[in-house]
Amino acid sequence: MVPPAQVEAPAFDTRDHAMMRLAMDQALNASLHGEVPVGAVLVKDGRVIATGYNHPVGSHDPSAHAEMRALRMAAEQLGNYRVGASTLYVTLEPCMMCLGAILHARVTRVVFGAHDPKTGVCGSVLNLPAHGQLNHQTQVEGGLLAEECGRLLQDFFAQRRAQRRAARDALRAQQDELVRWAATLPVEAALGELRLEGADPDAEASA
């Protein structure tokens, strides 16, 4: 989905591509931890000062998105939450929480990969950067390596669905095997099994 505010495709250079690929590496780290694969890289003064990958499930932290973790690392590195002139590369369009933190940190440019039609606020669901009423502003450019960034998410969820199907199929196979086994028992034996399962051991002891 192309945000209405972005009529012309942004012009990305080779450095932008290289930084987004680093962010994609971070997204793969998230996937290896069983997390939704989103990664971020923060660049200031021509060098990478922070990275982050999505980790809310493992860290029991609803705010542990890739962008948030990168901003926290940068703030620690700089000794100041105001990151200032910098570019944040992230594989997925930021959500409302992350964009708020980005603006609060005074990040001057955001480059994202895939658009997020469910929670993206940089043109997909909302277009918050276009609101001039906000005290701080940032330049947002989307769609860099969008297909590859989107494929990371598609592959992750496809694998998760396959794992769930396999688990359901395995359980169903066990249930079918139990039914087939029970069908081979003589009626008296089957009833005996049921009686044993329902027997009261205390009652048997007193008898």
N, C-alpha and C. Protein backbone atom coordinates (compact mmCIF):
# COMPACT_ATOMS: atom_id res chain seq x y z
N MET A 1 0.85 -1.19 0.00
CA MET A 1 0.00 0.00 0.00
C MET A 1 0.88 1.24 0.00
N VAL A 2 0.72 2.14 -0.96
CA VAL A 2 1.53 3.34 -1.07
C VAL A 2 0.82 4.48 -0.36
N PRO A 3 1.47 5.11 0.61
CA PRO A 3 0.83 6.20 1.34
C PRO A 3 0.45 7.33 0.41
N PRO A 4 -0.70 7.96 0.61
CA PRO A 4 -1.14 9.04 -0.25
C PRO A 4 -0.21 10.24 -0.22
N ALA A 5 0.52 10.42 0.89
CA ALA A 5 1.40 11.58 1.01
C ALA A 5 2.66 11.42 0.17
N GLN A 6 2.97 10.19 -0.24
CA GLN A 6 4.19 9.94 -0.99
C GLN A 6 3.84 9.72 -2.45
N VAL A 7 3.69 10.80 -3.19
CA VAL A 7 3.30 10.70 -4.59
C VAL A 7 4.46 10.20 -5.42
N GLU A 8 5.66 10.74 -5.16
CA GLU A 8 6.84 10.33 -5.90
C GLU A 8 7.67 9.40 -5.02
N ALA A 9 8.26 8.39 -5.65
CA ALA A 9 9.10 7.46 -4.91
C ALA A 9 10.36 8.19 -4.45
N PRO A 10 10.76 8.02 -3.19
CA PRO A 10 11.98 8.67 -2.71
C PRO A 10 13.20 8.17 -3.47
N ALA A 11 14.20 9.01 -3.57
CA ALA A 11 15.46 8.62 -4.23
C ALA A 11 16.42 8.10 -3.16
N PHE A 12 16.66 6.81 -3.16
CA PHE A 12 17.57 6.21 -2.18
C PHE A 12 18.94 5.98 -2.82
N ASP A 13 20.00 6.19 -2.05
CA ASP A 13 21.34 5.95 -2.57
C ASP A 13 21.88 4.61 -2.09
N THR A 14 23.10 4.30 -2.49
CA THR A 14 23.69 3.00 -2.16
C THR A 14 23.86 2.83 -0.66
N ARG A 15 24.13 3.92 0.04
CA ARG A 15 24.28 3.82 1.50
C ARG A 15 22.94 3.47 2.14
N ASP A 16 21.87 4.06 1.65
CA ASP A 16 20.55 3.72 2.17
C ASP A 16 20.28 2.23 2.01
N HIS A 17 20.60 1.70 0.84
CA HIS A 17 20.39 0.27 0.59
C HIS A 17 21.23 -0.58 1.55
N ALA A 18 22.48 -0.18 1.75
CA ALA A 18 23.36 -0.94 2.64
C ALA A 18 22.85 -0.94 4.07
N MET A 19 22.37 0.21 4.53
CA MET A 19 21.87 0.31 5.90
C MET A 19 20.57 -0.50 6.07
N MET A 20 19.73 -0.49 5.04
CA MET A 20 18.50 -1.27 5.15
C MET A 20 18.81 -2.77 5.19
N ARG A 21 19.85 -3.18 4.48
CA ARG A 21 20.22 -4.60 4.54
C ARG A 21 20.74 -4.97 5.92
N LEU A 22 21.41 -4.03 6.58
CA LEU A 22 21.81 -4.27 7.97
C LEU A 22 20.57 -4.40 8.86
N ALA A 23 19.58 -3.58 8.60
CA ALA A 23 18.33 -3.68 9.36
C ALA A 23 17.65 -5.02 9.10
N MET A 24 17.74 -5.52 7.87
CA MET A 24 17.17 -6.83 7.56
C MET A 24 17.90 -7.93 8.31
N ASP A 25 19.21 -7.78 8.50
CA ASP A 25 19.95 -8.76 9.31
C ASP A 25 19.43 -8.76 10.74
N GLN A 26 19.12 -7.59 11.26
CA GLN A 26 18.54 -7.51 12.60
C GLN A 26 17.18 -8.19 12.64
N ALA A 27 16.41 -8.03 11.58
CA ALA A 27 15.10 -8.68 11.51
C ALA A 27 15.24 -10.19 11.55
N LEU A 28 16.28 -10.71 10.91
CA LEU A 28 16.52 -12.16 10.95
C LEU A 28 16.85 -12.61 12.37
N ASN A 29 17.54 -11.76 13.14
CA ASN A 29 17.80 -12.09 14.55
C ASN A 29 16.49 -12.24 15.31
N ALA A 30 15.54 -11.37 15.03
CA ALA A 30 14.23 -11.48 15.67
C ALA A 30 13.57 -12.80 15.32
N SER A 31 13.64 -13.17 14.05
CA SER A 31 13.03 -14.42 13.61
C SER A 31 13.66 -15.62 14.30
N LEU A 32 14.98 -15.59 14.48
CA LEU A 32 15.67 -16.69 15.15
C LEU A 32 15.22 -16.84 16.60
N HIS A 33 14.74 -15.75 17.19
CA HIS A 33 14.23 -15.79 18.57
C HIS A 33 12.72 -16.03 18.61
N GLY A 34 12.14 -16.36 17.46
CA GLY A 34 10.71 -16.62 17.42
C GLY A 34 9.86 -15.37 17.44
N GLU A 35 10.47 -14.22 17.16
CA GLU A 35 9.76 -12.95 17.17
C GLU A 35 9.44 -12.51 15.74
N VAL A 36 8.43 -11.68 15.59
CA VAL A 36 8.10 -11.13 14.28
C VAL A 36 9.33 -10.39 13.74
N PRO A 37 9.80 -10.73 12.53
CA PRO A 37 11.06 -10.20 12.03
C PRO A 37 11.01 -8.74 11.59
N VAL A 38 11.35 -7.87 12.51
CA VAL A 38 11.50 -6.44 12.23
C VAL A 38 12.84 -6.01 12.81
N GLY A 39 13.61 -5.27 12.03
CA GLY A 39 14.92 -4.82 12.49
C GLY A 39 15.13 -3.35 12.22
N ALA A 40 16.04 -2.74 13.00
CA ALA A 40 16.30 -1.31 12.86
C ALA A 40 17.78 -1.01 13.04
N VAL A 41 18.24 0.03 12.35
CA VAL A 41 19.62 0.51 12.45
C VAL A 41 19.57 2.03 12.53
N LEU A 42 20.31 2.61 13.46
CA LEU A 42 20.34 4.06 13.62
C LEU A 42 21.73 4.58 13.25
N VAL A 43 21.76 5.53 12.33
CA VAL A 43 23.02 6.07 11.81
C VAL A 43 23.13 7.55 12.17
N LYS A 44 24.28 7.92 12.72
CA LYS A 44 24.54 9.33 13.08
C LYS A 44 25.98 9.67 12.72
N ASP A 45 26.17 10.80 12.11
CA ASP A 45 27.51 11.24 11.69
C ASP A 45 28.21 10.19 10.83
N GLY A 46 27.43 9.52 10.00
CA GLY A 46 28.00 8.58 9.05
C GLY A 46 28.35 7.22 9.60
N ARG A 47 27.98 6.94 10.84
CA ARG A 47 28.30 5.62 11.40
C ARG A 47 27.10 5.05 12.15
N VAL A 48 27.06 3.73 12.23
CA VAL A 48 25.99 3.05 12.95
C VAL A 48 26.25 3.18 14.44
N ILE A 49 25.32 3.77 15.16
CA ILE A 49 25.49 3.93 16.60
C ILE A 49 24.59 3.00 17.40
N ALA A 50 23.59 2.41 16.75
CA ALA A 50 22.68 1.52 17.48
C ALA A 50 21.93 0.62 16.51
N THR A 51 21.58 -0.55 17.00
CA THR A 51 20.75 -1.49 16.25
C THR A 51 19.69 -2.05 17.18
N GLY A 52 18.68 -2.65 16.60
CA GLY A 52 17.64 -3.27 17.42
C GLY A 52 16.81 -4.22 16.59
N TYR A 53 16.28 -5.23 17.25
CA TYR A 53 15.34 -6.13 16.59
C TYR A 53 14.15 -6.38 17.50
N ASN A 54 13.05 -6.73 16.91
CA ASN A 54 11.80 -6.94 17.62
C ASN A 54 11.95 -8.04 18.67
N HIS A 55 11.56 -7.76 19.93
CA HIS A 55 11.74 -8.77 20.99
C HIS A 55 10.75 -8.59 22.14
N PRO A 56 9.48 -8.27 21.86
CA PRO A 56 8.53 -8.06 22.95
C PRO A 56 8.13 -9.33 23.68
N VAL A 57 8.05 -10.45 22.95
CA VAL A 57 7.60 -11.70 23.57
C VAL A 57 8.66 -12.22 24.54
N GLY A 58 9.88 -12.34 24.06
CA GLY A 58 10.95 -12.89 24.89
C GLY A 58 11.32 -12.00 26.06
N SER A 59 11.18 -10.70 25.90
CA SER A 59 11.55 -9.77 26.97
C SER A 59 10.37 -9.39 27.86
N HIS A 60 9.18 -9.91 27.53
CA HIS A 60 7.96 -9.58 28.28
C HIS A 60 7.78 -8.06 28.36
N ASP A 61 8.03 -7.41 27.23
CA ASP A 61 7.99 -5.95 27.18
C ASP A 61 7.23 -5.51 25.93
N PRO A 62 6.02 -4.98 26.08
CA PRO A 62 5.24 -4.59 24.90
C PRO A 62 5.87 -3.46 24.10
N SER A 63 6.82 -2.75 24.69
CA SER A 63 7.45 -1.64 23.98
C SER A 63 8.75 -2.05 23.28
N ALA A 64 9.12 -3.32 23.33
CA ALA A 64 10.41 -3.76 22.80
C ALA A 64 10.38 -3.98 21.29
N HIS A 65 9.90 -2.98 20.56
CA HIS A 65 9.97 -3.02 19.10
C HIS A 65 11.39 -2.69 18.66
N ALA A 66 11.69 -3.00 17.41
CA ALA A 66 13.05 -2.79 16.90
C ALA A 66 13.48 -1.33 17.04
N GLU A 67 12.60 -0.40 16.66
CA GLU A 67 12.94 1.01 16.73
C GLU A 67 13.20 1.46 18.17
N MET A 68 12.36 1.00 19.08
CA MET A 68 12.49 1.40 20.48
C MET A 68 13.81 0.91 21.07
N ARG A 69 14.18 -0.32 20.72
CA ARG A 69 15.42 -0.87 21.27
C ARG A 69 16.63 -0.15 20.69
N ALA A 70 16.56 0.22 19.41
CA ALA A 70 17.66 0.98 18.81
C ALA A 70 17.77 2.36 19.45
N LEU A 71 16.64 3.01 19.70
CA LEU A 71 16.66 4.34 20.33
C LEU A 71 17.22 4.27 21.75
N ARG A 72 16.87 3.23 22.48
CA ARG A 72 17.40 3.08 23.84
C ARG A 72 18.91 2.90 23.81
N MET A 73 19.38 2.07 22.88
CA MET A 73 20.82 1.85 22.77
C MET A 73 21.53 3.15 22.40
N ALA A 74 20.95 3.90 21.48
CA ALA A 74 21.56 5.16 21.06
C ALA A 74 21.62 6.15 22.22
N ALA A 75 20.54 6.24 22.98
CA ALA A 75 20.50 7.17 24.11
C ALA A 75 21.58 6.83 25.13
N GLU A 76 21.79 5.53 25.35
CA GLU A 76 22.84 5.11 26.28
C GLU A 76 24.22 5.45 25.73
N GLN A 77 24.40 5.23 24.43
CA GLN A 77 25.70 5.53 23.81
C GLN A 77 26.02 7.02 23.87
N LEU A 78 25.00 7.85 23.63
CA LEU A 78 25.21 9.29 23.58
C LEU A 78 25.10 9.97 24.95
N GLY A 79 24.49 9.27 25.91
CA GLY A 79 24.24 9.89 27.20
C GLY A 79 23.19 10.97 27.11
N ASN A 80 22.28 10.81 26.15
CA ASN A 80 21.25 11.83 25.92
C ASN A 80 20.14 11.18 25.11
N TYR A 81 18.89 11.34 25.55
CA TYR A 81 17.80 10.74 24.79
C TYR A 81 17.54 11.49 23.49
N ARG A 82 18.02 12.73 23.40
CA ARG A 82 17.88 13.50 22.16
C ARG A 82 18.97 13.06 21.19
N VAL A 83 18.61 12.17 20.30
CA VAL A 83 19.60 11.65 19.36
C VAL A 83 20.00 12.72 18.35
N GLY A 84 19.06 13.55 17.97
CA GLY A 84 19.37 14.64 17.05
C GLY A 84 19.54 14.18 15.62
N ALA A 85 20.33 14.92 14.85
CA ALA A 85 20.50 14.66 13.41
C ALA A 85 20.96 13.22 13.18
N SER A 86 20.09 12.43 12.58
CA SER A 86 20.38 11.01 12.39
C SER A 86 19.34 10.41 11.45
N THR A 87 19.62 9.19 11.00
CA THR A 87 18.67 8.46 10.16
C THR A 87 18.40 7.10 10.78
N LEU A 88 17.13 6.78 10.95
CA LEU A 88 16.72 5.48 11.45
C LEU A 88 16.19 4.65 10.29
N TYR A 89 16.81 3.50 10.07
CA TYR A 89 16.36 2.57 9.05
C TYR A 89 15.62 1.43 9.74
N VAL A 90 14.43 1.13 9.28
CA VAL A 90 13.63 0.06 9.88
C VAL A 90 12.91 -0.70 8.78
N THR A 91 12.81 -2.01 8.93
CA THR A 91 12.28 -2.85 7.86
C THR A 91 10.77 -2.75 7.70
N LEU A 92 10.07 -2.24 8.71
CA LEU A 92 8.61 -2.13 8.65
C LEU A 92 8.19 -0.73 9.08
N GLU A 93 7.19 -0.21 8.43
CA GLU A 93 6.65 1.11 8.76
C GLU A 93 6.37 1.23 10.26
N PRO A 94 6.85 2.28 10.90
CA PRO A 94 6.68 2.42 12.35
C PRO A 94 5.22 2.51 12.77
N CYS A 95 4.97 2.00 13.98
CA CYS A 95 3.65 2.11 14.59
C CYS A 95 3.57 3.44 15.34
N MET A 96 2.42 3.70 15.95
CA MET A 96 2.22 4.97 16.66
C MET A 96 3.20 5.12 17.82
N MET A 97 3.41 4.05 18.58
CA MET A 97 4.32 4.11 19.72
C MET A 97 5.73 4.47 19.26
N CYS A 98 6.19 3.77 18.23
CA CYS A 98 7.57 3.97 17.78
C CYS A 98 7.77 5.34 17.16
N LEU A 99 6.80 5.79 16.37
CA LEU A 99 6.95 7.11 15.77
C LEU A 99 6.98 8.19 16.85
N GLY A 100 6.16 8.02 17.90
CA GLY A 100 6.20 8.98 19.00
C GLY A 100 7.57 9.07 19.63
N ALA A 101 8.20 7.91 19.85
CA ALA A 101 9.54 7.90 20.43
C ALA A 101 10.57 8.50 19.47
N ILE A 102 10.40 8.22 18.18
CA ILE A 102 11.30 8.77 17.16
C ILE A 102 11.24 10.29 17.17
N LEU A 103 10.04 10.84 17.22
CA LEU A 103 9.88 12.29 17.26
C LEU A 103 10.45 12.87 18.55
N HIS A 104 10.20 12.19 19.66
CA HIS A 104 10.68 12.67 20.95
C HIS A 104 12.21 12.67 20.99
N ALA A 105 12.83 11.72 20.28
CA ALA A 105 14.29 11.62 20.24
C ALA A 105 14.91 12.59 19.23
N ARG A 106 14.05 13.30 18.49
CA ARG A 106 14.52 14.28 17.50
C ARG A 106 15.30 13.63 16.35
N VAL A 107 14.95 12.40 16.02
CA VAL A 107 15.55 11.77 14.83
C VAL A 107 15.07 12.55 13.61
N THR A 108 15.97 12.92 12.73
CA THR A 108 15.60 13.83 11.64
C THR A 108 15.13 13.12 10.38
N ARG A 109 15.43 11.83 10.24
CA ARG A 109 15.02 11.11 9.03
C ARG A 109 14.72 9.66 9.38
N VAL A 110 13.66 9.14 8.80
CA VAL A 110 13.28 7.74 8.96
C VAL A 110 13.11 7.13 7.57
N VAL A 111 13.75 5.98 7.37
CA VAL A 111 13.60 5.23 6.12
C VAL A 111 13.08 3.86 6.48
N PHE A 112 11.92 3.48 5.95
CA PHE A 112 11.37 2.15 6.25
C PHE A 112 11.20 1.33 4.98
N GLY A 113 11.10 0.03 5.18
CA GLY A 113 10.97 -0.88 4.06
C GLY A 113 9.53 -1.15 3.67
N ALA A 114 8.93 -2.18 4.28
CA ALA A 114 7.57 -2.58 3.94
C ALA A 114 6.54 -1.68 4.62
N HIS A 115 5.46 -1.41 3.91
CA HIS A 115 4.34 -0.68 4.50
C HIS A 115 3.54 -1.62 5.40
N ASP A 116 2.95 -1.08 6.44
CA ASP A 116 2.16 -1.87 7.38
C ASP A 116 0.70 -1.41 7.33
N PRO A 117 -0.16 -2.16 6.62
CA PRO A 117 -1.55 -1.74 6.46
C PRO A 117 -2.40 -1.87 7.72
N LYS A 118 -1.83 -2.44 8.79
CA LYS A 118 -2.60 -2.63 10.02
C LYS A 118 -2.25 -1.62 11.11
N THR A 119 -0.97 -1.31 11.25
CA THR A 119 -0.58 -0.41 12.35
C THR A 119 0.36 0.71 11.92
N GLY A 120 0.68 0.80 10.65
CA GLY A 120 1.60 1.82 10.19
C GLY A 120 1.00 3.22 10.25
N VAL A 121 1.79 4.16 10.79
CA VAL A 121 1.27 5.53 10.93
C VAL A 121 2.08 6.53 10.12
N CYS A 122 2.77 6.04 9.10
CA CYS A 122 3.53 6.93 8.22
C CYS A 122 2.94 6.91 6.82
N GLY A 123 1.61 6.79 6.76
CA GLY A 123 0.93 6.83 5.49
C GLY A 123 -0.06 5.72 5.25
N SER A 124 0.06 4.61 5.98
CA SER A 124 -0.83 3.47 5.73
C SER A 124 -2.15 3.60 6.47
N VAL A 125 -2.14 3.48 7.79
CA VAL A 125 -3.36 3.65 8.59
C VAL A 125 -3.58 5.14 8.88
N LEU A 126 -2.52 5.77 9.34
CA LEU A 126 -2.50 7.22 9.57
C LEU A 126 -1.25 7.79 8.91
N ASN A 127 -1.19 9.10 8.83
CA ASN A 127 0.01 9.76 8.31
C ASN A 127 0.42 10.86 9.29
N LEU A 128 0.89 10.41 10.45
CA LEU A 128 1.21 11.36 11.52
C LEU A 128 2.33 12.33 11.16
N PRO A 129 3.35 11.92 10.40
CA PRO A 129 4.40 12.89 10.07
C PRO A 129 3.89 14.10 9.28
N ALA A 130 2.72 13.95 8.67
CA ALA A 130 2.17 15.06 7.88
C ALA A 130 1.48 16.11 8.75
N HIS A 131 1.33 15.82 10.05
CA HIS A 131 0.65 16.76 10.95
C HIS A 131 1.63 17.83 11.42
N GLY A 132 1.48 19.02 10.89
CA GLY A 132 2.37 20.11 11.26
C GLY A 132 2.18 20.60 12.67
N GLN A 133 1.08 20.18 13.31
CA GLN A 133 0.83 20.63 14.69
C GLN A 133 1.80 20.00 15.68
N LEU A 134 2.41 18.88 15.29
CA LEU A 134 3.33 18.20 16.20
C LEU A 134 4.55 19.09 16.45
N ASN A 135 5.02 19.06 17.69
CA ASN A 135 6.12 19.95 18.09
C ASN A 135 7.41 19.62 17.36
N HIS A 136 7.66 18.34 17.12
CA HIS A 136 8.87 17.92 16.44
C HIS A 136 8.49 17.23 15.13
N GLN A 137 9.37 17.33 14.16
CA GLN A 137 9.09 16.77 12.84
C GLN A 137 10.25 15.87 12.41
N THR A 138 9.94 14.94 11.53
CA THR A 138 10.98 14.09 10.95
C THR A 138 10.62 13.82 9.50
N GLN A 139 11.63 13.66 8.68
CA GLN A 139 11.41 13.32 7.28
C GLN A 139 11.26 11.81 7.17
N VAL A 140 10.17 11.34 6.57
CA VAL A 140 9.91 9.90 6.46
C VAL A 140 9.89 9.50 4.99
N GLU A 141 10.65 8.46 4.67
CA GLU A 141 10.69 7.92 3.31
C GLU A 141 10.46 6.41 3.40
N GLY A 142 9.50 5.92 2.65
CA GLY A 142 9.16 4.50 2.74
C GLY A 142 9.33 3.76 1.43
N GLY A 143 9.37 2.43 1.54
CA GLY A 143 9.40 1.58 0.36
C GLY A 143 10.77 1.10 -0.06
N LEU A 144 11.82 1.36 0.73
CA LEU A 144 13.15 0.89 0.38
C LEU A 144 13.25 -0.62 0.60
N LEU A 145 13.56 -1.35 -0.47
CA LEU A 145 13.63 -2.82 -0.42
C LEU A 145 12.34 -3.39 0.18
N ALA A 146 11.22 -2.77 -0.17
CA ALA A 146 9.93 -3.14 0.42
C ALA A 146 9.59 -4.60 0.18
N GLU A 147 9.85 -5.09 -1.03
CA GLU A 147 9.48 -6.48 -1.34
C GLU A 147 10.28 -7.46 -0.50
N GLU A 148 11.58 -7.20 -0.35
CA GLU A 148 12.41 -8.11 0.44
C GLU A 148 12.06 -8.03 1.92
N CYS A 149 11.83 -6.84 2.41
CA CYS A 149 11.43 -6.69 3.82
C CYS A 149 10.09 -7.36 4.07
N GLY A 150 9.17 -7.21 3.13
CA GLY A 150 7.87 -7.85 3.27
C GLY A 150 7.96 -9.36 3.21
N ARG A 151 8.90 -9.86 2.40
CA ARG A 151 9.04 -11.31 2.28
C ARG A 151 9.51 -11.93 3.59
N LEU A 152 10.34 -11.20 4.34
CA LEU A 152 10.76 -11.70 5.65
C LEU A 152 9.55 -11.98 6.53
N LEU A 153 8.60 -11.06 6.51
CA LEU A 153 7.38 -11.23 7.31
C LEU A 153 6.51 -12.35 6.77
N GLN A 154 6.35 -12.40 5.46
CA GLN A 154 5.52 -13.44 4.84
C GLN A 154 6.07 -14.83 5.14
N ASP A 155 7.39 -14.99 5.00
CA ASP A 155 8.00 -16.29 5.26
C ASP A 155 7.85 -16.70 6.72
N PHE A 156 8.00 -15.72 7.61
CA PHE A 156 7.88 -16.01 9.04
C PHE A 156 6.49 -16.52 9.38
N PHE A 157 5.46 -15.81 8.92
CA PHE A 157 4.10 -16.21 9.25
C PHE A 157 3.68 -17.48 8.52
N ALA A 158 4.22 -17.71 7.32
CA ALA A 158 3.94 -18.96 6.61
C ALA A 158 4.52 -20.14 7.38
N GLN A 159 5.73 -19.98 7.91
CA GLN A 159 6.35 -21.04 8.70
C GLN A 159 5.57 -21.29 9.98
N ARG A 160 5.12 -20.22 10.61
CA ARG A 160 4.35 -20.37 11.85
C ARG A 160 3.03 -21.11 11.59
N ARG A 161 2.36 -20.77 10.48
CA ARG A 161 1.12 -21.47 10.15
C ARG A 161 1.38 -22.94 9.86
N ALA A 162 2.49 -23.23 9.17
CA ALA A 162 2.84 -24.62 8.86
C ALA A 162 3.11 -25.40 10.14
N GLN A 163 3.79 -24.78 11.10
CA GLN A 163 4.07 -25.45 12.37
C GLN A 163 2.78 -25.75 13.14
N ARG A 164 1.85 -24.82 13.10
CA ARG A 164 0.57 -25.04 13.79
C ARG A 164 -0.22 -26.16 13.12
N ARG A 165 -0.19 -26.18 11.78
CA ARG A 165 -0.89 -27.26 11.07
C ARG A 165 -0.26 -28.61 11.40
N ALA A 166 1.08 -28.64 11.44
CA ALA A 166 1.77 -29.89 11.74
C ALA A 166 1.43 -30.37 13.15
N ALA A 167 1.35 -29.44 14.10
CA ALA A 167 1.00 -29.82 15.47
C ALA A 167 -0.42 -30.36 15.54
N ARG A 168 -1.35 -29.72 14.82
CA ARG A 168 -2.73 -30.20 14.80
C ARG A 168 -2.82 -31.57 14.14
N ASP A 169 -2.08 -31.76 13.05
CA ASP A 169 -2.10 -33.04 12.35
C ASP A 169 -1.53 -34.15 13.22
N ALA A 170 -0.47 -33.84 13.97
CA ALA A 170 0.13 -34.84 14.86
C ALA A 170 -0.84 -35.24 15.96
N LEU A 171 -1.54 -34.27 16.52
CA LEU A 171 -2.52 -34.56 17.57
C LEU A 171 -3.67 -35.38 17.01
N ARG A 172 -4.12 -35.02 15.81
CA ARG A 172 -5.21 -35.76 15.18
C ARG A 172 -4.79 -37.20 14.89
N ALA A 173 -3.55 -37.40 14.47
CA ALA A 173 -3.05 -38.74 14.19
C ALA A 173 -3.02 -39.59 15.46
N GLN A 174 -2.62 -38.97 16.58
CA GLN A 174 -2.60 -39.69 17.85
C GLN A 174 -4.02 -40.10 18.27
N GLN A 175 -4.96 -39.19 18.07
CA GLN A 175 -6.34 -39.49 18.43
C GLN A 175 -6.90 -40.61 17.55
N ASP A 176 -6.59 -40.57 16.26
CA ASP A 176 -7.06 -41.62 15.35
C ASP A 176 -6.46 -42.96 15.72
N GLU A 177 -5.18 -42.96 16.10
CA GLU A 177 -4.52 -44.21 16.49
C GLU A 177 -5.16 -44.78 17.75
N LEU A 178 -5.53 -43.92 18.68
CA LEU A 178 -6.18 -44.37 19.91
C LEU A 178 -7.54 -44.99 19.60
N VAL A 179 -8.28 -44.38 18.69
CA VAL A 179 -9.58 -44.91 18.30
C VAL A 179 -9.42 -46.27 17.64
N ARG A 180 -8.43 -46.40 16.76
CA ARG A 180 -8.20 -47.69 16.09
C ARG A 180 -7.80 -48.76 17.10
N TRP A 181 -6.97 -48.38 18.07
CA TRP A 181 -6.54 -49.35 19.09
C TRP A 181 -7.73 -49.81 19.93
N ALA A 182 -8.58 -48.86 20.33
CA ALA A 182 -9.74 -49.21 21.14
C ALA A 182 -10.70 -50.11 20.37
N ALA A 183 -10.76 -49.92 19.05
CA ALA A 183 -11.67 -50.73 18.24
C ALA A 183 -11.23 -52.18 18.15
N THR A 184 -9.95 -52.46 18.39
CA THR A 184 -9.45 -53.84 18.31
C THR A 184 -9.67 -54.61 19.59
N LEU A 185 -10.05 -53.94 20.67
CA LEU A 185 -10.24 -54.62 21.95
C LEU A 185 -11.59 -55.34 21.98
N PRO A 186 -11.64 -56.52 22.60
CA PRO A 186 -12.94 -57.16 22.84
C PRO A 186 -13.80 -56.27 23.73
N VAL A 187 -15.09 -56.39 23.60
CA VAL A 187 -16.00 -55.53 24.36
C VAL A 187 -15.75 -55.64 25.85
N GLU A 188 -15.60 -56.88 26.36
CA GLU A 188 -15.40 -57.06 27.79
C GLU A 188 -14.09 -56.42 28.24
N ALA A 189 -13.05 -56.56 27.40
CA ALA A 189 -11.76 -55.97 27.75
C ALA A 189 -11.86 -54.46 27.79
N ALA A 190 -12.56 -53.91 26.80
CA ALA A 190 -12.73 -52.46 26.76
C ALA A 190 -13.49 -51.97 27.97
N LEU A 191 -14.56 -52.71 28.35
CA LEU A 191 -15.32 -52.32 29.53
C LEU A 191 -14.48 -52.45 30.78
N GLY A 192 -13.63 -53.48 30.82
CA GLY A 192 -12.75 -53.66 31.95
C GLY A 192 -11.78 -52.50 32.10
N GLU A 193 -11.26 -52.04 30.95
CA GLU A 193 -10.37 -50.88 30.98
C GLU A 193 -11.08 -49.67 31.55
N LEU A 194 -12.34 -49.48 31.12
CA LEU A 194 -13.11 -48.34 31.61
C LEU A 194 -13.35 -48.46 33.10
N ARG A 195 -13.66 -49.71 33.57
CA ARG A 195 -13.91 -49.90 34.99
C ARG A 195 -12.65 -49.59 35.80
N LEU A 196 -11.51 -50.02 35.27
CA LEU A 196 -10.27 -49.76 35.99
C LEU A 196 -9.97 -48.27 36.08
N GLU A 197 -10.23 -47.56 34.96
CA GLU A 197 -9.96 -46.13 34.95
C GLU A 197 -10.85 -45.39 35.94
N GLY A 198 -12.10 -45.90 36.12
CA GLY A 198 -13.03 -45.21 37.00
C GLY A 198 -13.03 -45.77 38.41
N ALA A 199 -12.16 -46.74 38.69
CA ALA A 199 -12.17 -47.38 40.01
C ALA A 199 -11.65 -46.43 41.08
N ASP A 200 -12.21 -46.60 42.28
CA ASP A 200 -11.77 -45.80 43.43
C ASP A 200 -10.77 -46.64 44.21
N PRO A 201 -9.47 -46.30 44.20
CA PRO A 201 -8.48 -47.12 44.90
C PRO A 201 -8.75 -47.25 46.39
N ASP A 202 -9.33 -46.22 47.03
CA ASP A 202 -9.64 -46.31 48.46
C ASP A 202 -10.74 -47.33 48.71
N ALA A 203 -11.74 -47.35 47.79
CA ALA A 203 -12.84 -48.30 47.95
C ALA A 203 -12.33 -49.72 47.79
N GLU A 204 -11.41 -49.93 46.84
CA GLU A 204 -10.86 -51.27 46.63
C GLU A 204 -10.07 -51.71 47.85
N ALA A 205 -9.34 -50.80 48.46
CA ALA A 205 -8.53 -51.15 49.62
C ALA A 205 -9.40 -51.55 50.80
N SER A 206 -10.52 -50.84 50.98
CA SER A 206 -11.40 -51.15 52.10
C SER A 206 -12.13 -52.46 51.89
N ALA A 207 -12.35 -52.83 50.60
CA ALA A 207 -13.01 -54.09 50.31
C ALA A 207 -12.07 -55.24 50.61
